[in-house]
Amino acid sequence: MKALLVGADVGCICSVLHLRQDIGVIGEILEGLTSWMERKGYGALSDFRGKLRETNLNDGYGFERAQYIMAASQL
């Protein structure tokens, strides 16, 4: 969802496939995405793809700063 929200057309799931070694995880991911979309009232990926893209926000600096702080706090 995060990748889609910032405008991605695809997201990588290789790590989870490697760790779980179970293709059923793809179904879990799709169920989670569907559930999240229903809770948020989205009917299609295009309804929310790019909603959090920096160019779509009024204050791109604030978004960029928040991402920096989040990343720095995880060190």
C-alpha atoms as a PDB file:
ATOM      1  CA  MET A   1       0.000   0.000   0.000  1.00  0.00           C
ATOM      2  CA  LYS A   2       2.799   2.394   0.853  1.00  0.00           C
ATOM      3  CA  ALA A   3       4.460   1.906  -2.537  1.00  0.00           C
ATOM      4  CA  LEU A   4       1.155   2.457  -4.326  1.00  0.00           C
ATOM      5  CA  LEU A   5       0.343   5.525  -2.249  1.00  0.00           C
ATOM      6  CA  VAL A   6       3.535   7.236  -3.359  1.00  0.00           C
ATOM      7  CA  GLY A   7       2.853   6.383  -7.000  1.00  0.00           C
ATOM      8  CA  ALA A   8       4.498   3.019  -7.695  1.00  0.00           C
ATOM      9  CA  ASP A   9       3.019   0.725 -10.306  1.00  0.00           C
ATOM     10  CA  VAL A  10       4.666  -2.314  -8.711  1.00  0.00           C
ATOM     11  CA  GLY A  11       5.995  -3.368  -5.331  1.00  0.00           C
ATOM     12  CA  CYS A  12       8.615  -5.988  -4.511  1.00  0.00           C
ATOM     13  CA  ILE A  13       7.601  -8.984  -2.436  1.00  0.00           C
ATOM     14  CA  CYS A  14      10.647 -11.155  -3.121  1.00  0.00           C
ATOM     15  CA  SER A  15      11.859 -10.981   0.485  1.00  0.00           C
ATOM     16  CA  VAL A  16       8.645 -12.326   1.948  1.00  0.00           C
ATOM     17  CA  LEU A  17       8.512 -15.081  -0.659  1.00  0.00           C
ATOM     18  CA  HIS A  18      12.088 -16.040   0.172  1.00  0.00           C
ATOM     19  CA  LEU A  19      11.520 -15.960   3.930  1.00  0.00           C
ATOM     20  CA  ARG A  20       8.186 -17.751   3.958  1.00  0.00           C
ATOM     21  CA  GLN A  21       8.920 -20.109   1.054  1.00  0.00           C
ATOM     22  CA  ASP A  22       5.173 -20.319   0.554  1.00  0.00           C
ATOM     23  CA  ILE A  23       3.402 -18.915  -2.485  1.00  0.00           C
ATOM     24  CA  GLY A  24       0.238 -18.638  -0.368  1.00  0.00           C
ATOM     25  CA  VAL A  25       1.649 -15.407   1.031  1.00  0.00           C
ATOM     26  CA  ILE A  26       0.608 -13.723  -2.229  1.00  0.00           C
ATOM     27  CA  GLY A  27      -3.026 -14.455  -1.370  1.00  0.00           C
ATOM     28  CA  GLU A  28      -2.501 -12.991   2.099  1.00  0.00           C
ATOM     29  CA  ILE A  29      -1.023  -9.828   0.582  1.00  0.00           C
ATOM     30  CA  LEU A  30      -3.942  -9.478  -1.837  1.00  0.00           C
ATOM     31  CA  GLU A  31      -6.475 -10.070   0.957  1.00  0.00           C
ATOM     32  CA  GLY A  32      -4.771  -7.433   3.086  1.00  0.00           C
ATOM     33  CA  LEU A  33      -4.760  -4.951   0.220  1.00  0.00           C
ATOM     34  CA  THR A  34      -8.421  -5.627  -0.547  1.00  0.00           C
ATOM     35  CA  SER A  35      -9.390  -5.247   3.105  1.00  0.00           C
ATOM     36  CA  TRP A  36      -7.467  -1.976   3.434  1.00  0.00           C
ATOM     37  CA  MET A  37      -9.068  -0.616   0.255  1.00  0.00           C
ATOM     38  CA  GLU A  38     -12.550  -1.499   1.530  1.00  0.00           C
ATOM     39  CA  ARG A  39     -11.907   0.175   4.900  1.00  0.00           C
ATOM     40  CA  LYS A  40     -10.677   3.321   3.150  1.00  0.00           C
ATOM     41  CA  GLY A  41     -13.470   3.335   0.558  1.00  0.00           C
ATOM     42  CA  TYR A  42     -11.310   2.715  -2.512  1.00  0.00           C
ATOM     43  CA  GLY A  43     -12.721   0.650  -5.365  1.00  0.00           C
ATOM     44  CA  ALA A  44      -9.626   0.465  -7.560  1.00  0.00           C
ATOM     45  CA  LEU A  45      -5.874   0.911  -7.281  1.00  0.00           C
ATOM     46  CA  SER A  46      -6.084   3.990  -9.472  1.00  0.00           C
ATOM     47  CA  ASP A  47      -8.293   5.623  -6.808  1.00  0.00           C
ATOM     48  CA  PHE A  48      -5.363   5.978  -4.432  1.00  0.00           C
ATOM     49  CA  ARG A  49      -2.169   5.423  -6.430  1.00  0.00           C
ATOM     50  CA  GLY A  50       0.020   8.492  -5.981  1.00  0.00           C
ATOM     51  CA  LYS A  51      -2.140  10.174  -3.299  1.00  0.00           C
ATOM     52  CA  LEU A  52       0.964  10.723  -1.149  1.00  0.00           C
ATOM     53  CA  ARG A  53       3.304  11.587  -3.985  1.00  0.00           C
ATOM     54  CA  GLU A  54       5.359  14.578  -2.925  1.00  0.00           C
ATOM     55  CA  THR A  55       4.195  16.612  -5.922  1.00  0.00           C
ATOM     56  CA  ASN A  56       0.555  16.077  -4.874  1.00  0.00           C
ATOM     57  CA  LEU A  57       1.108  17.560  -1.440  1.00  0.00           C
ATOM     58  CA  ASN A  58       0.941  21.276  -0.680  1.00  0.00           C
ATOM     59  CA  ASP A  59       4.091  21.156   1.431  1.00  0.00           C
ATOM     60  CA  GLY A  60       6.583  18.756  -0.112  1.00  0.00           C
ATOM     61  CA  TYR A  61       9.237  19.890   2.359  1.00  0.00           C
ATOM     62  CA  GLY A  62       7.150  18.726   5.318  1.00  0.00           C
ATOM     63  CA  PHE A  63       6.659  15.310   3.760  1.00  0.00           C
ATOM     64  CA  GLU A  64      10.352  14.977   2.980  1.00  0.00           C
ATOM     65  CA  ARG A  65      11.305  16.033   6.517  1.00  0.00           C
ATOM     66  CA  ALA A  66       8.869  13.544   8.056  1.00  0.00           C
ATOM     67  CA  GLN A  67      10.396  10.714   6.015  1.00  0.00           C
ATOM     68  CA  TYR A  68      13.888  11.741   7.131  1.00  0.00           C
ATOM     69  CA  ILE A  69      12.871  11.809  10.791  1.00  0.00           C
ATOM     70  CA  MET A  70      11.178   8.416  10.510  1.00  0.00           C
ATOM     71  CA  ALA A  71      14.267   6.870   8.891  1.00  0.00           C
ATOM     72  CA  ALA A  72      16.671   8.497  11.379  1.00  0.00           C
ATOM     73  CA  SER A  73      14.656   7.309  14.371  1.00  0.00           C
ATOM     74  CA  GLN A  74      15.020   3.692  13.239  1.00  0.00           C
ATOM     75  CA  LEU A  75      18.823   3.745  13.434  1.00  0.00           C
END
